[in-house]
Amino acid sequence: MGGQLQLFSIVIFLFFACEKPLPTKEEFAQNIEEQYSAHSSMSYMADFQMKFYSSTDTVRKLAKVHLLPLAEDTNFKGMIWIEQDTTIRFYDGKQSYLIYPNQEKIIKFPEGANFIFTGNVIGDVVDIYFLKPERIHKGVADTSINSSFSQVKFEEENCYLLEYDFPDTESYHGAWKKVWFRTDDYSLRRMQTYFESEGEVQYQEWNISQVSYDQVSEADLKARFDSLSDRYSLEDYEPTKRDSLDYGQAFPQIEGYRYPNSTTLDWDSLKGRWTLVDFWYMDCPPCQDAIPVLNELADRYPKLAVIGLNPYDNNEKNLGRMPKFLSYHPMNYPSYFIERKMPQKAKVFAYPTLFLLNPELEVEMIKLGYGENTEFYLDSLIQAKL
């Protein structure tokens, strides 16, 4: 009996003695950098899901991904291969390529034109720290972010769980991020992000499986690409050419009704005044950024008519959101709902698009998008005209 107890005590002692102590957040971040920098490549299956905060649908993307660190690359810090059922995206460290196997076609993009990754949901499947592991250290070192670190079980796997709670801003609140890493090789297993804005939720989730390291080389990916380029046609990317209204051209007459009192837009009443027209919609962040500037211009120049034209939010769901939206983004100028075909008459394809019209309702200025210099640009131009 005594021998059995002694043996049991030894087993318990060895169990706890062999269990790794939980590292600190800072030690973990350092371990990640060391582990990832020791590998020449990472390959995995990515299951990415995203719910845009105003949408009821969830976008889901599945892809086989290969990442190879390239220290000299200033864009992504590595070579990227993302393979889906009908497309392959390849970044070789200098240029991006979009490959269509079913069409036996490759589109080559100019250096620096990487929007097939950065401007596309599928590009988020590479955002798992392998190419930029230093981001973890920056996150845990940021004193404005509350972070915690623990060891948990996730689907029967031992994982480290790194959690972030972000401070609220004027636009977003309740933001958090959770990242699960396997304890054996520090590979990312799952990542979730969440935030709320004006009563709506945006959520993203990455599920990573079939992880392997050092199985694919730079030469391997280039050989794959060369094999496809030998068989497929290669075309240079041609940006879509869109017509726009000419300066001095009469602006097309627009019909619509004002929110919230439903009065109709009397387009002819604008004749005789300089008019600033803003094409916008609620779920457009640059449109939101432009609203305070338009408010300021409307106050600063009483002789200037400022009007908003909204082609997308005239539906039951978004009409219900409008009061709360206006509580966050008040407008001191009238905004009108217009039919979706109306922007085509004005040749509007991006949001926001701003037009300055002279008293004859002819185009004097077209401004696409919103940036840091938009207010100065508009103010200088309007001041010169009035």
Protein backbone atom coordinates (compact mmCIF):
# COMPACT_ATOMS: atom_id res chain seq x y z
CA MET A 1 0.00 0.00 0.00
CA GLY A 2 2.80 2.38 0.94
CA GLY A 3 4.58 1.61 -2.30
CA GLN A 4 1.48 2.41 -4.32
CA LEU A 5 1.07 5.77 -2.57
CA GLN A 6 4.71 6.57 -3.16
CA LEU A 7 4.37 5.70 -6.87
CA PHE A 8 1.22 7.82 -7.13
CA SER A 9 3.01 10.77 -5.51
CA ILE A 10 5.90 10.46 -7.96
CA VAL A 11 3.49 10.43 -10.94
CA ILE A 12 1.72 13.56 -9.67
CA PHE A 13 5.04 15.29 -9.06
CA LEU A 14 6.31 14.46 -12.55
CA PHE A 15 3.02 15.65 -14.09
CA PHE A 16 3.24 19.08 -12.53
CA ALA A 17 7.00 19.31 -12.92
CA CYS A 18 6.71 18.68 -16.68
CA GLU A 19 3.82 21.09 -17.25
CA LYS A 20 5.10 24.32 -18.76
CA PRO A 21 4.48 27.42 -16.66
CA LEU A 22 2.33 30.09 -18.32
CA PRO A 23 4.59 32.76 -19.84
CA THR A 24 3.83 36.43 -19.35
CA LYS A 25 2.27 38.37 -22.23
CA GLU A 26 5.62 39.95 -22.98
CA GLU A 27 7.41 36.59 -22.94
CA PHE A 28 4.74 35.13 -25.19
CA ALA A 29 5.11 37.98 -27.69
CA GLN A 30 8.87 37.43 -27.73
CA ASN A 31 8.38 33.67 -28.19
CA ILE A 32 6.08 34.29 -31.16
CA GLU A 33 8.65 36.49 -32.88
CA GLU A 34 11.40 33.95 -32.30
CA GLN A 35 9.30 30.99 -33.45
CA TYR A 36 8.00 32.68 -36.59
CA SER A 37 11.36 34.15 -37.59
CA ALA A 38 12.83 30.64 -37.48
CA HIS A 39 10.55 29.47 -40.31
CA SER A 40 10.96 30.09 -44.04
CA SER A 41 7.27 29.58 -44.87
CA MET A 42 3.83 28.90 -43.45
CA SER A 43 1.03 27.04 -45.26
CA TYR A 44 -2.55 26.64 -44.04
CA MET A 45 -6.24 26.46 -44.86
CA ALA A 46 -8.14 29.62 -43.96
CA ASP A 47 -11.86 29.88 -43.25
CA PHE A 48 -12.62 33.61 -42.99
CA GLN A 49 -16.02 35.05 -42.13
CA MET A 50 -17.13 38.66 -41.87
CA LYS A 51 -20.36 40.43 -41.04
CA PHE A 52 -20.30 44.07 -42.09
CA TYR A 53 -21.98 46.10 -39.39
CA SER A 54 -25.09 47.11 -41.38
CA SER A 55 -25.51 43.83 -43.24
CA THR A 56 -27.61 40.84 -42.21
CA ASP A 57 -25.47 38.49 -44.30
CA THR A 58 -22.10 36.96 -43.45
CA VAL A 59 -19.39 36.83 -46.11
CA ARG A 60 -17.37 33.62 -46.02
CA LYS A 61 -14.12 32.89 -47.85
CA LEU A 62 -12.15 29.62 -47.96
CA ALA A 63 -8.59 29.50 -49.25
CA LYS A 64 -5.31 27.62 -49.26
CA VAL A 65 -2.58 30.07 -48.27
CA HIS A 66 1.22 30.09 -48.50
CA LEU A 67 3.24 32.88 -46.83
CA LEU A 68 7.00 33.36 -47.22
CA PRO A 69 8.75 36.15 -45.28
CA LEU A 70 10.72 38.69 -47.32
CA ALA A 71 12.41 41.23 -45.09
CA GLU A 72 13.11 43.61 -47.97
CA ASP A 73 9.46 43.81 -49.06
CA THR A 74 7.84 47.08 -47.94
CA ASN A 75 4.24 46.11 -48.78
CA PHE A 76 3.44 42.83 -47.03
CA LYS A 77 6.85 41.75 -45.73
CA GLY A 78 6.52 38.56 -47.71
CA MET A 79 5.46 36.52 -50.69
CA ILE A 80 1.77 35.54 -50.78
CA TRP A 81 -0.13 32.78 -52.59
CA ILE A 82 -3.93 32.56 -51.98
CA GLU A 83 -5.68 29.76 -53.85
CA GLN A 84 -9.47 29.46 -54.12
CA ASP A 85 -11.75 27.40 -56.33
CA THR A 86 -11.80 29.81 -59.26
CA THR A 87 -8.97 32.29 -58.59
CA ILE A 88 -5.37 32.44 -57.40
CA ARG A 89 -3.82 35.62 -56.02
CA PHE A 90 -0.03 35.77 -56.14
CA TYR A 91 2.30 38.46 -54.83
CA ASP A 92 5.95 37.81 -55.68
CA GLY A 93 7.44 40.55 -53.52
CA LYS A 94 7.13 43.18 -56.23
CA GLN A 95 3.97 42.70 -58.25
CA SER A 96 0.53 41.18 -57.84
CA TYR A 97 -1.10 38.71 -60.20
CA LEU A 98 -4.70 37.54 -60.43
CA ILE A 99 -4.93 34.07 -62.00
CA TYR A 100 -8.12 32.58 -63.48
CA PRO A 101 -7.46 28.85 -64.10
CA ASN A 102 -10.87 28.23 -65.67
CA GLN A 103 -10.26 31.02 -68.18
CA GLU A 104 -6.54 30.20 -68.53
CA LYS A 105 -5.78 33.88 -67.98
CA ILE A 106 -3.39 35.86 -65.76
CA ILE A 107 -3.76 39.57 -65.06
CA LYS A 108 -0.56 41.38 -64.12
CA PHE A 109 -0.82 44.50 -61.94
CA PRO A 110 1.71 47.35 -61.82
CA GLU A 111 4.11 47.55 -58.90
CA GLY A 112 2.36 49.09 -55.91
CA ALA A 113 -1.12 48.17 -57.16
CA ASN A 114 -1.92 45.59 -54.49
CA PHE A 115 -5.66 46.19 -54.08
CA ILE A 116 -6.51 42.59 -55.02
CA PHE A 117 -5.23 41.90 -51.48
CA THR A 118 -5.76 45.12 -49.54
CA GLY A 119 -9.07 46.08 -51.17
CA ASN A 120 -10.67 42.65 -51.02
CA VAL A 121 -12.13 40.59 -48.19
CA ILE A 122 -10.10 37.56 -49.26
CA GLY A 123 -6.91 39.51 -48.51
CA ASP A 124 -7.73 39.31 -44.81
CA VAL A 125 -6.88 35.59 -44.76
CA VAL A 126 -3.16 36.52 -44.60
CA ASP A 127 -3.59 38.76 -41.55
CA ILE A 128 -2.50 36.14 -38.99
CA TYR A 129 0.78 37.70 -37.73
CA PHE A 130 3.20 35.32 -39.47
CA LEU A 131 4.64 37.98 -41.79
CA LYS A 132 4.52 40.70 -39.11
CA PRO A 133 4.85 38.99 -35.70
CA GLU A 134 6.07 42.22 -34.08
CA ARG A 135 2.47 43.43 -34.13
CA ILE A 136 1.72 41.14 -31.16
CA HIS A 137 4.39 42.81 -29.05
CA LYS A 138 3.07 46.25 -30.01
CA GLY A 139 -0.43 45.16 -28.99
CA VAL A 140 0.47 43.87 -25.54
CA ALA A 141 2.76 46.87 -24.92
CA ASP A 142 0.05 49.42 -25.78
CA THR A 143 -1.12 50.81 -22.44
CA SER A 144 -4.34 52.20 -23.97
CA ILE A 145 -5.51 48.63 -24.63
CA ASN A 146 -6.57 46.26 -21.87
CA SER A 147 -5.12 42.85 -22.66
CA SER A 148 -5.15 39.50 -20.88
CA PHE A 149 -3.41 36.19 -21.46
CA SER A 150 -4.35 32.65 -20.43
CA GLN A 151 -4.07 28.99 -21.37
CA VAL A 152 -7.28 27.28 -22.48
CA LYS A 153 -8.67 24.25 -24.28
CA PHE A 154 -10.02 24.96 -27.75
CA GLU A 155 -11.65 22.02 -29.53
CA GLU A 156 -9.51 19.59 -27.49
CA GLU A 157 -6.31 21.48 -28.34
CA ASN A 158 -4.10 23.26 -25.81
CA CYS A 159 -4.04 26.93 -26.75
CA TYR A 160 -2.87 30.27 -25.49
CA LEU A 161 -5.65 32.88 -25.55
CA LEU A 162 -4.72 36.53 -26.02
CA GLU A 163 -7.60 38.95 -25.45
CA TYR A 164 -7.81 42.69 -26.14
CA ASP A 165 -10.42 45.23 -25.03
CA PHE A 166 -10.09 48.48 -26.95
CA PRO A 167 -11.04 51.93 -25.68
CA ASP A 168 -14.25 53.43 -27.03
CA THR A 169 -14.07 56.19 -29.63
CA GLU A 170 -16.62 58.66 -30.93
CA SER A 171 -17.51 56.26 -33.74
CA TYR A 172 -16.97 52.78 -32.23
CA HIS A 173 -17.46 51.12 -28.88
CA GLY A 174 -17.37 47.69 -27.28
CA ALA A 175 -14.45 46.65 -29.49
CA TRP A 176 -12.56 43.49 -28.62
CA LYS A 177 -10.25 40.93 -30.18
CA LYS A 178 -9.49 37.33 -29.22
CA VAL A 179 -6.66 35.24 -30.63
CA TRP A 180 -6.02 31.55 -29.98
CA PHE A 181 -2.50 30.15 -30.57
CA ARG A 182 -1.51 26.49 -30.29
CA THR A 183 0.89 25.92 -27.42
CA ASP A 184 3.05 23.45 -29.34
CA ASP A 185 4.06 25.54 -32.37
CA TYR A 186 2.50 28.97 -31.67
CA SER A 187 0.47 28.80 -34.88
CA LEU A 188 -2.72 30.82 -34.91
CA ARG A 189 -5.82 28.65 -34.51
CA ARG A 190 -8.64 31.18 -34.40
CA MET A 191 -9.02 34.95 -34.30
CA GLN A 192 -12.15 37.02 -33.72
CA THR A 193 -12.74 40.77 -33.81
CA TYR A 194 -15.87 42.68 -32.83
CA PHE A 195 -17.07 46.25 -32.49
CA GLU A 196 -20.33 48.19 -32.42
CA SER A 197 -21.18 51.42 -34.17
CA GLU A 198 -24.49 53.22 -33.94
CA GLY A 199 -26.29 50.09 -32.78
CA GLU A 200 -24.83 47.88 -35.54
CA VAL A 201 -22.23 45.13 -35.16
CA GLN A 202 -19.19 44.26 -37.27
CA TYR A 203 -17.63 40.86 -36.67
CA GLN A 204 -14.75 38.96 -38.24
CA GLU A 205 -13.50 35.43 -37.63
CA TRP A 206 -10.49 33.51 -38.92
CA ASN A 207 -10.29 29.72 -38.46
CA ILE A 208 -6.92 28.24 -39.41
CA SER A 209 -6.26 24.54 -40.03
CA GLN A 210 -3.80 22.18 -41.75
CA VAL A 211 -0.82 24.30 -40.70
CA SER A 212 2.65 23.34 -41.88
CA TYR A 213 5.99 25.13 -41.85
CA ASP A 214 8.96 25.16 -44.23
CA GLN A 215 7.23 22.99 -46.83
CA VAL A 216 7.13 25.58 -49.63
CA SER A 217 10.04 27.67 -50.89
CA GLU A 218 10.28 30.85 -52.91
CA ALA A 219 11.48 28.76 -55.85
CA ASP A 220 8.44 26.47 -55.49
CA LEU A 221 5.95 29.32 -55.81
CA LYS A 222 7.81 30.90 -58.69
CA ALA A 223 7.91 27.53 -60.45
CA ARG A 224 4.14 27.15 -59.98
CA PHE A 225 3.57 30.59 -61.40
CA ASP A 226 5.95 30.03 -64.31
CA SER A 227 4.16 26.78 -65.14
CA LEU A 228 0.82 28.57 -65.29
CA SER A 229 2.18 31.55 -67.23
CA ASP A 230 3.59 29.18 -69.85
CA ARG A 231 0.08 27.84 -70.49
CA TYR A 232 -2.13 30.87 -69.79
CA SER A 233 -2.46 34.22 -71.52
CA LEU A 234 -0.85 37.13 -69.67
CA GLU A 235 -2.58 40.52 -69.71
CA ASP A 236 -1.65 43.84 -68.15
CA TYR A 237 -4.26 45.26 -65.82
CA GLU A 238 -6.42 47.92 -67.42
CA PRO A 239 -8.37 50.06 -64.96
CA THR A 240 -12.03 50.50 -65.74
CA LYS A 241 -12.52 53.71 -67.62
CA ARG A 242 -15.52 55.67 -66.38
CA ASP A 243 -16.91 58.77 -67.97
CA SER A 244 -17.52 61.82 -65.85
CA LEU A 245 -19.36 65.05 -66.36
CA ASP A 246 -17.28 67.75 -68.01
CA TYR A 247 -16.56 71.06 -66.37
CA GLY A 248 -19.06 73.59 -67.71
CA GLN A 249 -21.57 70.84 -68.51
CA ALA A 250 -25.13 71.28 -67.26
CA PHE A 251 -25.80 69.10 -64.23
CA PRO A 252 -28.68 66.67 -64.85
CA GLN A 253 -31.95 67.45 -63.08
CA ILE A 254 -32.33 65.29 -59.98
CA GLU A 255 -35.59 64.16 -58.40
CA GLY A 256 -35.97 63.11 -54.79
CA TYR A 257 -37.66 63.71 -51.46
CA ARG A 258 -36.25 65.14 -48.29
CA TYR A 259 -35.75 63.23 -45.08
CA PRO A 260 -37.63 63.36 -42.74
CA ASN A 261 -40.51 65.53 -43.97
CA SER A 262 -40.78 64.01 -47.48
CA THR A 263 -40.87 67.35 -49.30
CA THR A 264 -39.81 66.98 -52.92
CA LEU A 265 -36.58 68.40 -54.28
CA ASP A 266 -37.26 71.54 -56.31
CA TRP A 267 -34.22 71.45 -58.56
CA ASP A 268 -35.06 74.67 -60.39
CA SER A 269 -35.11 76.57 -57.08
CA LEU A 270 -31.33 76.12 -56.91
CA LYS A 271 -30.78 78.29 -59.97
CA GLY A 272 -29.16 81.60 -59.16
CA ARG A 273 -27.09 80.16 -56.28
CA TRP A 274 -23.79 78.35 -56.01
CA THR A 275 -24.62 74.79 -54.96
CA LEU A 276 -22.51 72.06 -53.37
CA VAL A 277 -23.96 68.59 -54.07
CA ASP A 278 -22.86 65.56 -52.01
CA PHE A 279 -23.65 61.99 -53.13
CA TRP A 280 -23.46 59.87 -49.97
CA TYR A 281 -24.92 56.95 -47.99
CA MET A 282 -24.84 55.91 -44.32
CA ASP A 283 -22.43 52.95 -44.45
CA CYS A 284 -19.70 54.92 -46.21
CA PRO A 285 -17.04 56.01 -43.64
CA PRO A 286 -15.57 58.74 -45.91
CA CYS A 287 -19.11 60.05 -46.38
CA GLN A 288 -19.46 60.23 -42.60
CA ASP A 289 -16.14 62.08 -42.34
CA ALA A 290 -17.33 64.66 -44.88
CA ILE A 291 -20.52 65.60 -43.00
CA PRO A 292 -18.88 67.92 -40.39
CA VAL A 293 -17.03 69.71 -43.20
CA LEU A 294 -20.25 70.23 -45.15
CA ASN A 295 -21.92 71.51 -41.99
CA GLU A 296 -19.10 74.00 -41.52
CA LEU A 297 -19.29 75.19 -45.13
CA ALA A 298 -23.06 75.58 -44.94
CA ASP A 299 -22.67 77.76 -41.82
CA ARG A 300 -19.71 79.72 -43.18
CA TYR A 301 -21.31 80.58 -46.53
CA PRO A 302 -25.05 81.39 -46.21
CA LYS A 303 -25.23 82.14 -49.94
CA LEU A 304 -24.08 78.59 -50.71
CA ALA A 305 -26.72 75.88 -51.05
CA VAL A 306 -25.49 72.52 -49.68
CA ILE A 307 -27.57 69.41 -50.37
CA GLY A 308 -27.02 65.69 -49.85
CA LEU A 309 -28.27 63.06 -52.28
CA ASN A 310 -28.65 59.50 -50.95
CA PRO A 311 -29.48 56.66 -53.38
CA TYR A 312 -29.06 53.63 -51.06
CA ASP A 313 -30.81 54.15 -47.72
CA ASN A 314 -34.42 54.48 -48.85
CA ASN A 315 -35.55 51.13 -47.44
CA GLU A 316 -37.34 50.03 -44.30
CA LYS A 317 -34.26 48.86 -42.38
CA ASN A 318 -32.10 51.90 -43.10
CA LEU A 319 -34.93 54.37 -42.59
CA GLY A 320 -35.22 52.87 -39.11
CA ARG A 321 -31.50 53.49 -38.56
CA MET A 322 -31.54 57.07 -39.81
CA PRO A 323 -32.58 58.83 -36.56
CA LYS A 324 -29.75 57.20 -34.61
CA PHE A 325 -27.31 57.87 -37.46
CA LEU A 326 -28.22 61.56 -37.44
CA SER A 327 -27.74 61.69 -33.68
CA TYR A 328 -24.10 60.69 -34.30
CA HIS A 329 -23.73 62.64 -37.56
CA PRO A 330 -26.09 65.63 -37.47
CA MET A 331 -26.63 67.52 -40.72
CA ASN A 332 -27.54 71.19 -40.83
CA TYR A 333 -28.26 71.04 -44.56
CA PRO A 334 -31.04 69.16 -46.40
CA SER A 335 -30.54 65.62 -47.66
CA TYR A 336 -32.77 63.88 -50.18
CA PHE A 337 -33.42 60.26 -51.04
CA ILE A 338 -33.08 59.65 -54.76
CA GLU A 339 -33.59 56.61 -56.97
CA ARG A 340 -30.60 54.32 -57.47
CA LYS A 341 -30.45 55.12 -61.17
CA MET A 342 -30.03 58.83 -60.47
CA PRO A 343 -26.24 58.68 -59.75
CA GLN A 344 -25.76 57.22 -63.22
CA LYS A 345 -27.23 60.39 -64.72
CA ALA A 346 -24.53 62.36 -62.93
CA LYS A 347 -21.94 59.68 -63.75
CA VAL A 348 -21.24 58.99 -60.08
CA PHE A 349 -19.45 55.70 -59.34
CA ALA A 350 -17.69 56.44 -56.04
CA TYR A 351 -18.75 57.83 -52.67
CA PRO A 352 -18.70 60.49 -51.59
CA THR A 353 -18.67 62.46 -54.84
CA LEU A 354 -18.97 66.21 -54.48
CA PHE A 355 -20.00 68.66 -57.22
CA LEU A 356 -19.81 72.44 -57.07
CA LEU A 357 -22.39 73.96 -59.41
CA ASN A 358 -22.49 77.56 -60.58
CA PRO A 359 -25.72 79.62 -60.53
CA GLU A 360 -26.62 78.18 -63.95
CA LEU A 361 -26.30 74.69 -62.39
CA GLU A 362 -23.25 73.87 -64.48
CA VAL A 363 -20.33 71.83 -63.15
CA GLU A 364 -17.47 73.91 -61.78
CA MET A 365 -15.77 71.20 -59.68
CA ILE A 366 -15.85 67.43 -59.13
CA LYS A 367 -14.26 65.94 -56.00
CA LEU A 368 -14.10 62.17 -55.49
CA GLY A 369 -13.74 60.80 -51.96
CA TYR A 370 -12.72 62.55 -48.76
CA GLY A 371 -9.24 63.21 -47.40
CA GLU A 372 -7.30 65.40 -45.01
CA ASN A 373 -7.15 68.30 -47.47
CA THR A 374 -10.78 68.18 -48.58
CA GLU A 375 -11.97 70.98 -46.27
CA PHE A 376 -9.15 73.33 -47.27
CA TYR A 377 -9.67 72.55 -50.96
CA LEU A 378 -13.43 73.15 -50.87
CA ASP A 379 -13.20 76.24 -48.69
CA SER A 380 -10.57 77.85 -50.94
CA LEU A 381 -12.57 77.14 -54.07
CA ILE A 382 -15.91 78.31 -52.67
CA GLN A 383 -14.36 81.46 -51.22
CA ALA A 384 -12.98 82.32 -54.64
CA LYS A 385 -16.32 81.76 -56.35
CA LEU A 386 -18.71 83.54 -53.99
